[in-house]
N, C-alpha and C. Protein backbone atom coordinates (compact mmCIF):
# COMPACT_ATOMS: atom_id res chain seq x y z
N UNK A 1 12.80 -16.65 17.66
CA UNK A 1 12.92 -15.21 17.54
C UNK A 1 12.65 -14.78 16.10
N UNK A 2 11.99 -13.68 15.92
CA UNK A 2 11.60 -13.18 14.60
C UNK A 2 12.80 -12.59 13.86
N UNK A 3 12.86 -12.85 12.57
CA UNK A 3 13.85 -12.25 11.70
C UNK A 3 13.08 -11.38 10.71
N UNK A 4 13.23 -10.04 10.82
CA UNK A 4 12.42 -9.14 10.02
C UNK A 4 12.69 -9.27 8.53
N UNK A 5 13.78 -9.94 8.13
CA UNK A 5 14.08 -10.11 6.71
C UNK A 5 13.33 -11.29 6.10
N UNK A 6 12.73 -12.11 6.91
CA UNK A 6 11.97 -13.24 6.40
C UNK A 6 10.59 -12.77 5.93
N UNK A 7 10.12 -13.43 4.90
CA UNK A 7 8.75 -13.16 4.44
C UNK A 7 7.77 -13.65 5.49
N UNK A 8 6.57 -13.08 5.49
CA UNK A 8 5.55 -13.51 6.42
C UNK A 8 4.30 -13.90 5.63
N UNK A 9 3.87 -15.14 5.80
CA UNK A 9 2.65 -15.63 5.17
C UNK A 9 1.49 -15.44 6.13
N UNK A 10 0.38 -14.95 5.60
CA UNK A 10 -0.79 -14.60 6.41
C UNK A 10 -2.01 -15.26 5.77
N UNK A 11 -2.67 -16.14 6.53
CA UNK A 11 -3.87 -16.84 6.07
C UNK A 11 -5.03 -16.44 6.97
N UNK A 12 -6.17 -16.13 6.37
CA UNK A 12 -7.39 -15.87 7.12
C UNK A 12 -8.53 -16.60 6.42
N UNK A 13 -9.39 -17.24 7.19
CA UNK A 13 -10.58 -17.88 6.64
C UNK A 13 -11.78 -17.37 7.43
N UNK A 14 -12.88 -17.17 6.71
CA UNK A 14 -14.11 -16.70 7.35
C UNK A 14 -15.25 -17.65 7.06
N UNK A 15 -16.06 -17.87 8.08
CA UNK A 15 -17.40 -18.45 7.90
C UNK A 15 -18.34 -17.27 8.01
N UNK A 16 -19.23 -17.17 7.05
CA UNK A 16 -20.11 -16.02 6.97
C UNK A 16 -21.46 -16.32 7.60
N UNK A 17 -22.19 -15.26 7.94
CA UNK A 17 -23.43 -15.42 8.72
C UNK A 17 -24.70 -15.24 7.91
N UNK A 18 -24.60 -15.20 6.59
CA UNK A 18 -25.82 -15.11 5.78
C UNK A 18 -26.77 -16.24 6.12
N UNK A 19 -28.06 -15.95 6.09
CA UNK A 19 -29.05 -16.95 6.53
C UNK A 19 -29.35 -18.01 5.48
N UNK A 20 -28.91 -17.78 4.24
CA UNK A 20 -29.08 -18.78 3.18
C UNK A 20 -27.74 -18.97 2.48
N UNK A 21 -27.63 -20.06 1.74
CA UNK A 21 -26.41 -20.30 0.97
C UNK A 21 -26.17 -19.17 -0.03
N UNK A 22 -27.23 -18.69 -0.67
CA UNK A 22 -27.09 -17.60 -1.64
C UNK A 22 -26.62 -16.31 -0.96
N UNK A 23 -27.12 -16.05 0.23
CA UNK A 23 -26.69 -14.84 0.96
C UNK A 23 -25.20 -14.93 1.28
N UNK A 24 -24.72 -16.11 1.67
CA UNK A 24 -23.30 -16.27 1.96
C UNK A 24 -22.46 -16.14 0.70
N UNK A 25 -22.96 -16.62 -0.42
CA UNK A 25 -22.25 -16.44 -1.70
C UNK A 25 -22.12 -14.96 -2.01
N UNK A 26 -23.19 -14.20 -1.83
CA UNK A 26 -23.14 -12.76 -2.10
C UNK A 26 -22.18 -12.04 -1.14
N UNK A 27 -22.21 -12.41 0.13
CA UNK A 27 -21.26 -11.84 1.08
C UNK A 27 -19.83 -12.15 0.64
N UNK A 28 -19.58 -13.39 0.29
CA UNK A 28 -18.24 -13.81 -0.13
C UNK A 28 -17.79 -13.04 -1.37
N UNK A 29 -18.68 -12.89 -2.33
CA UNK A 29 -18.34 -12.12 -3.54
C UNK A 29 -17.93 -10.70 -3.19
N UNK A 30 -18.64 -10.09 -2.28
CA UNK A 30 -18.32 -8.71 -1.90
C UNK A 30 -16.95 -8.63 -1.23
N UNK A 31 -16.66 -9.57 -0.34
CA UNK A 31 -15.37 -9.58 0.34
C UNK A 31 -14.24 -9.76 -0.67
N UNK A 32 -14.40 -10.71 -1.58
CA UNK A 32 -13.38 -10.94 -2.60
C UNK A 32 -13.19 -9.69 -3.45
N UNK A 33 -14.28 -9.09 -3.89
CA UNK A 33 -14.21 -7.88 -4.72
C UNK A 33 -13.48 -6.75 -4.00
N UNK A 34 -13.81 -6.53 -2.74
CA UNK A 34 -13.20 -5.44 -1.98
C UNK A 34 -11.71 -5.69 -1.74
N UNK A 35 -11.34 -6.92 -1.42
CA UNK A 35 -9.91 -7.21 -1.24
C UNK A 35 -9.16 -7.06 -2.55
N UNK A 36 -9.73 -7.58 -3.64
CA UNK A 36 -9.07 -7.45 -4.95
C UNK A 36 -8.84 -5.98 -5.30
N UNK A 37 -9.81 -5.14 -5.01
CA UNK A 37 -9.70 -3.71 -5.32
C UNK A 37 -8.62 -3.03 -4.48
N UNK A 38 -8.28 -3.60 -3.34
CA UNK A 38 -7.28 -2.98 -2.46
C UNK A 38 -5.88 -3.55 -2.64
N UNK A 39 -5.71 -4.46 -3.55
CA UNK A 39 -4.46 -5.19 -3.74
C UNK A 39 -3.23 -4.28 -3.78
N UNK A 40 -3.30 -3.14 -4.43
CA UNK A 40 -2.15 -2.26 -4.61
C UNK A 40 -1.93 -1.28 -3.46
N UNK A 41 -2.74 -1.36 -2.44
CA UNK A 41 -2.66 -0.42 -1.32
C UNK A 41 -1.56 -0.75 -0.31
N UNK A 42 -1.12 -2.00 -0.28
CA UNK A 42 -0.29 -2.46 0.84
C UNK A 42 1.17 -2.62 0.44
N UNK A 43 2.02 -1.82 1.06
CA UNK A 43 3.46 -1.87 0.81
C UNK A 43 4.00 -3.22 1.26
N UNK A 44 4.89 -3.78 0.47
CA UNK A 44 5.53 -5.03 0.84
C UNK A 44 4.69 -6.27 0.58
N UNK A 45 3.52 -6.11 -0.02
CA UNK A 45 2.70 -7.26 -0.36
C UNK A 45 3.30 -7.94 -1.58
N UNK A 46 3.76 -9.16 -1.40
CA UNK A 46 4.43 -9.92 -2.46
C UNK A 46 3.41 -10.73 -3.25
N UNK A 47 2.41 -11.25 -2.55
CA UNK A 47 1.42 -12.10 -3.20
C UNK A 47 0.12 -12.04 -2.42
N UNK A 48 -1.00 -12.10 -3.15
CA UNK A 48 -2.30 -12.17 -2.51
C UNK A 48 -3.21 -13.05 -3.35
N UNK A 49 -3.86 -13.98 -2.69
CA UNK A 49 -4.89 -14.81 -3.30
C UNK A 49 -6.09 -14.77 -2.36
N UNK A 50 -7.27 -14.61 -2.93
CA UNK A 50 -8.49 -14.64 -2.13
C UNK A 50 -9.55 -15.31 -2.97
N UNK A 51 -10.38 -16.14 -2.33
CA UNK A 51 -11.42 -16.80 -3.09
C UNK A 51 -12.53 -17.36 -2.22
N UNK A 52 -13.64 -17.59 -2.90
CA UNK A 52 -14.80 -18.21 -2.26
C UNK A 52 -14.61 -19.72 -2.25
N UNK A 53 -15.22 -20.35 -1.30
CA UNK A 53 -15.20 -21.80 -1.22
C UNK A 53 -15.89 -22.41 -2.44
N UNK A 54 -15.30 -23.45 -2.98
CA UNK A 54 -15.90 -24.15 -4.10
C UNK A 54 -16.33 -25.57 -3.77
N UNK A 55 -16.12 -25.98 -2.53
CA UNK A 55 -16.47 -27.34 -2.11
C UNK A 55 -17.84 -27.35 -1.44
N UNK A 56 -18.65 -28.30 -1.79
CA UNK A 56 -19.98 -28.44 -1.20
C UNK A 56 -19.92 -29.44 -0.05
N UNK A 57 -19.28 -28.99 1.05
CA UNK A 57 -19.20 -29.83 2.24
C UNK A 57 -19.59 -29.00 3.46
N UNK A 58 -20.14 -29.65 4.45
CA UNK A 58 -20.73 -28.96 5.59
C UNK A 58 -19.74 -28.13 6.40
N UNK A 59 -18.53 -28.60 6.59
CA UNK A 59 -17.61 -27.89 7.47
C UNK A 59 -16.63 -26.98 6.74
N UNK A 60 -16.91 -26.65 5.48
CA UNK A 60 -16.05 -25.76 4.71
C UNK A 60 -16.24 -24.32 5.17
N UNK A 61 -15.18 -23.54 5.05
CA UNK A 61 -15.23 -22.11 5.30
C UNK A 61 -15.67 -21.43 4.03
N UNK A 62 -16.20 -20.21 4.12
CA UNK A 62 -16.78 -19.54 2.96
C UNK A 62 -15.76 -18.77 2.11
N UNK A 63 -14.76 -18.17 2.76
CA UNK A 63 -13.76 -17.36 2.05
C UNK A 63 -12.41 -17.61 2.70
N UNK A 64 -11.37 -17.65 1.87
CA UNK A 64 -10.01 -17.74 2.41
C UNK A 64 -9.15 -16.66 1.74
N UNK A 65 -8.28 -16.07 2.53
CA UNK A 65 -7.34 -15.04 2.08
C UNK A 65 -5.93 -15.53 2.38
N UNK A 66 -5.06 -15.43 1.39
CA UNK A 66 -3.65 -15.79 1.55
C UNK A 66 -2.82 -14.61 1.07
N UNK A 67 -1.97 -14.12 1.96
CA UNK A 67 -1.10 -12.98 1.61
C UNK A 67 0.32 -13.33 2.03
N UNK A 68 1.28 -12.84 1.26
CA UNK A 68 2.69 -12.94 1.65
C UNK A 68 3.25 -11.53 1.65
N UNK A 69 3.87 -11.16 2.77
CA UNK A 69 4.51 -9.87 2.91
C UNK A 69 6.02 -10.07 2.91
N UNK A 70 6.74 -9.10 2.38
CA UNK A 70 8.19 -9.20 2.27
C UNK A 70 8.86 -9.29 3.64
N UNK A 71 8.22 -8.75 4.66
CA UNK A 71 8.82 -8.76 6.00
C UNK A 71 7.72 -8.65 7.05
N UNK A 72 8.09 -8.94 8.28
CA UNK A 72 7.16 -8.76 9.40
C UNK A 72 6.76 -7.30 9.53
N UNK A 73 7.69 -6.39 9.28
CA UNK A 73 7.37 -4.97 9.35
C UNK A 73 6.30 -4.59 8.34
N UNK A 74 6.39 -5.13 7.13
CA UNK A 74 5.35 -4.87 6.12
C UNK A 74 4.00 -5.41 6.59
N UNK A 75 4.01 -6.59 7.19
CA UNK A 75 2.77 -7.15 7.72
C UNK A 75 2.20 -6.28 8.83
N UNK A 76 3.05 -5.81 9.74
CA UNK A 76 2.58 -4.95 10.83
C UNK A 76 2.02 -3.63 10.27
N UNK A 77 2.64 -3.10 9.22
CA UNK A 77 2.11 -1.89 8.59
C UNK A 77 0.74 -2.15 7.97
N UNK A 78 0.58 -3.32 7.35
CA UNK A 78 -0.72 -3.72 6.79
C UNK A 78 -1.79 -3.76 7.88
N UNK A 79 -1.45 -4.32 9.02
CA UNK A 79 -2.42 -4.45 10.11
C UNK A 79 -2.95 -3.08 10.56
N UNK A 80 -2.14 -2.04 10.45
CA UNK A 80 -2.54 -0.69 10.88
C UNK A 80 -3.04 0.18 9.73
N UNK A 81 -2.92 -0.30 8.52
CA UNK A 81 -3.24 0.49 7.33
C UNK A 81 -4.74 0.84 7.30
N UNK A 82 -5.09 2.08 6.98
CA UNK A 82 -6.51 2.47 6.94
C UNK A 82 -7.36 1.60 6.02
N UNK A 83 -6.82 1.15 4.91
CA UNK A 83 -7.60 0.29 4.01
C UNK A 83 -7.87 -1.07 4.65
N UNK A 84 -6.91 -1.62 5.36
CA UNK A 84 -7.14 -2.88 6.07
C UNK A 84 -8.19 -2.69 7.16
N UNK A 85 -8.11 -1.59 7.87
CA UNK A 85 -9.10 -1.31 8.92
C UNK A 85 -10.50 -1.16 8.31
N UNK A 86 -10.59 -0.57 7.13
CA UNK A 86 -11.88 -0.45 6.43
C UNK A 86 -12.41 -1.85 6.07
N UNK A 87 -11.53 -2.71 5.57
CA UNK A 87 -11.93 -4.07 5.19
C UNK A 87 -12.40 -4.85 6.42
N UNK A 88 -11.70 -4.70 7.53
CA UNK A 88 -12.12 -5.37 8.76
C UNK A 88 -13.51 -4.91 9.19
N UNK A 89 -13.76 -3.61 9.09
CA UNK A 89 -15.07 -3.07 9.47
C UNK A 89 -16.16 -3.57 8.54
N UNK A 90 -15.84 -3.75 7.28
CA UNK A 90 -16.80 -4.28 6.31
C UNK A 90 -17.14 -5.74 6.61
N UNK A 91 -16.11 -6.54 6.88
CA UNK A 91 -16.29 -7.99 7.05
C UNK A 91 -16.86 -8.34 8.42
N UNK A 92 -16.50 -7.60 9.43
CA UNK A 92 -16.92 -7.93 10.80
C UNK A 92 -18.39 -8.28 10.95
N UNK A 93 -19.31 -7.46 10.46
CA UNK A 93 -20.73 -7.78 10.62
C UNK A 93 -21.20 -8.98 9.79
N UNK A 94 -20.40 -9.41 8.83
CA UNK A 94 -20.78 -10.55 7.97
C UNK A 94 -20.24 -11.88 8.47
N UNK A 95 -19.36 -11.86 9.44
CA UNK A 95 -18.70 -13.11 9.80
C UNK A 95 -19.35 -13.81 10.98
N UNK A 96 -19.38 -15.12 10.86
CA UNK A 96 -19.83 -15.96 11.96
C UNK A 96 -18.62 -16.48 12.73
N UNK A 97 -17.51 -16.69 12.02
CA UNK A 97 -16.28 -17.17 12.65
C UNK A 97 -15.10 -16.75 11.78
N UNK A 98 -13.93 -16.70 12.40
CA UNK A 98 -12.70 -16.30 11.72
C UNK A 98 -11.56 -17.14 12.24
N UNK A 99 -10.68 -17.57 11.33
CA UNK A 99 -9.47 -18.29 11.70
C UNK A 99 -8.29 -17.59 11.04
N UNK A 100 -7.15 -17.58 11.73
CA UNK A 100 -5.96 -16.91 11.20
C UNK A 100 -4.73 -17.74 11.55
N UNK A 101 -3.81 -17.82 10.59
CA UNK A 101 -2.49 -18.43 10.81
C UNK A 101 -1.48 -17.56 10.10
N UNK A 102 -0.40 -17.22 10.80
CA UNK A 102 0.71 -16.45 10.22
C UNK A 102 2.00 -17.20 10.53
N UNK A 103 2.89 -17.23 9.55
CA UNK A 103 4.19 -17.82 9.80
C UNK A 103 5.26 -17.20 8.93
N UNK A 104 6.49 -17.20 9.45
CA UNK A 104 7.62 -16.67 8.71
C UNK A 104 8.15 -17.74 7.76
N UNK A 105 8.68 -17.28 6.65
CA UNK A 105 9.14 -18.19 5.60
C UNK A 105 10.40 -17.62 4.97
N UNK A 106 11.21 -18.50 4.40
CA UNK A 106 12.40 -18.07 3.67
C UNK A 106 12.03 -17.52 2.30
N UNK A 107 10.84 -17.85 1.81
CA UNK A 107 10.44 -17.48 0.45
C UNK A 107 10.28 -16.01 0.26
């Protein structure tokens, strides 16, 4: 059962659909830039890290996002926030695949 007082960690990874490695790097840079610019928009955001992949391996993902929200309610508010919806609309056409993991934490 969920405890709304627990922090919620949110991880998302994207594989991008650029047709060349350079195109995927540019897509990744744009996603990172846009998320960084929105950092202060989300109430209850305790921590955010986002970055492009730095490993040259075939099965690596292109971008990973790590966020910690003070509570599940803050995370749910983020999911409905107009800035998050804008980011989803921006990233959607660039993605080939998406993975997500969320879990509650005492931290």
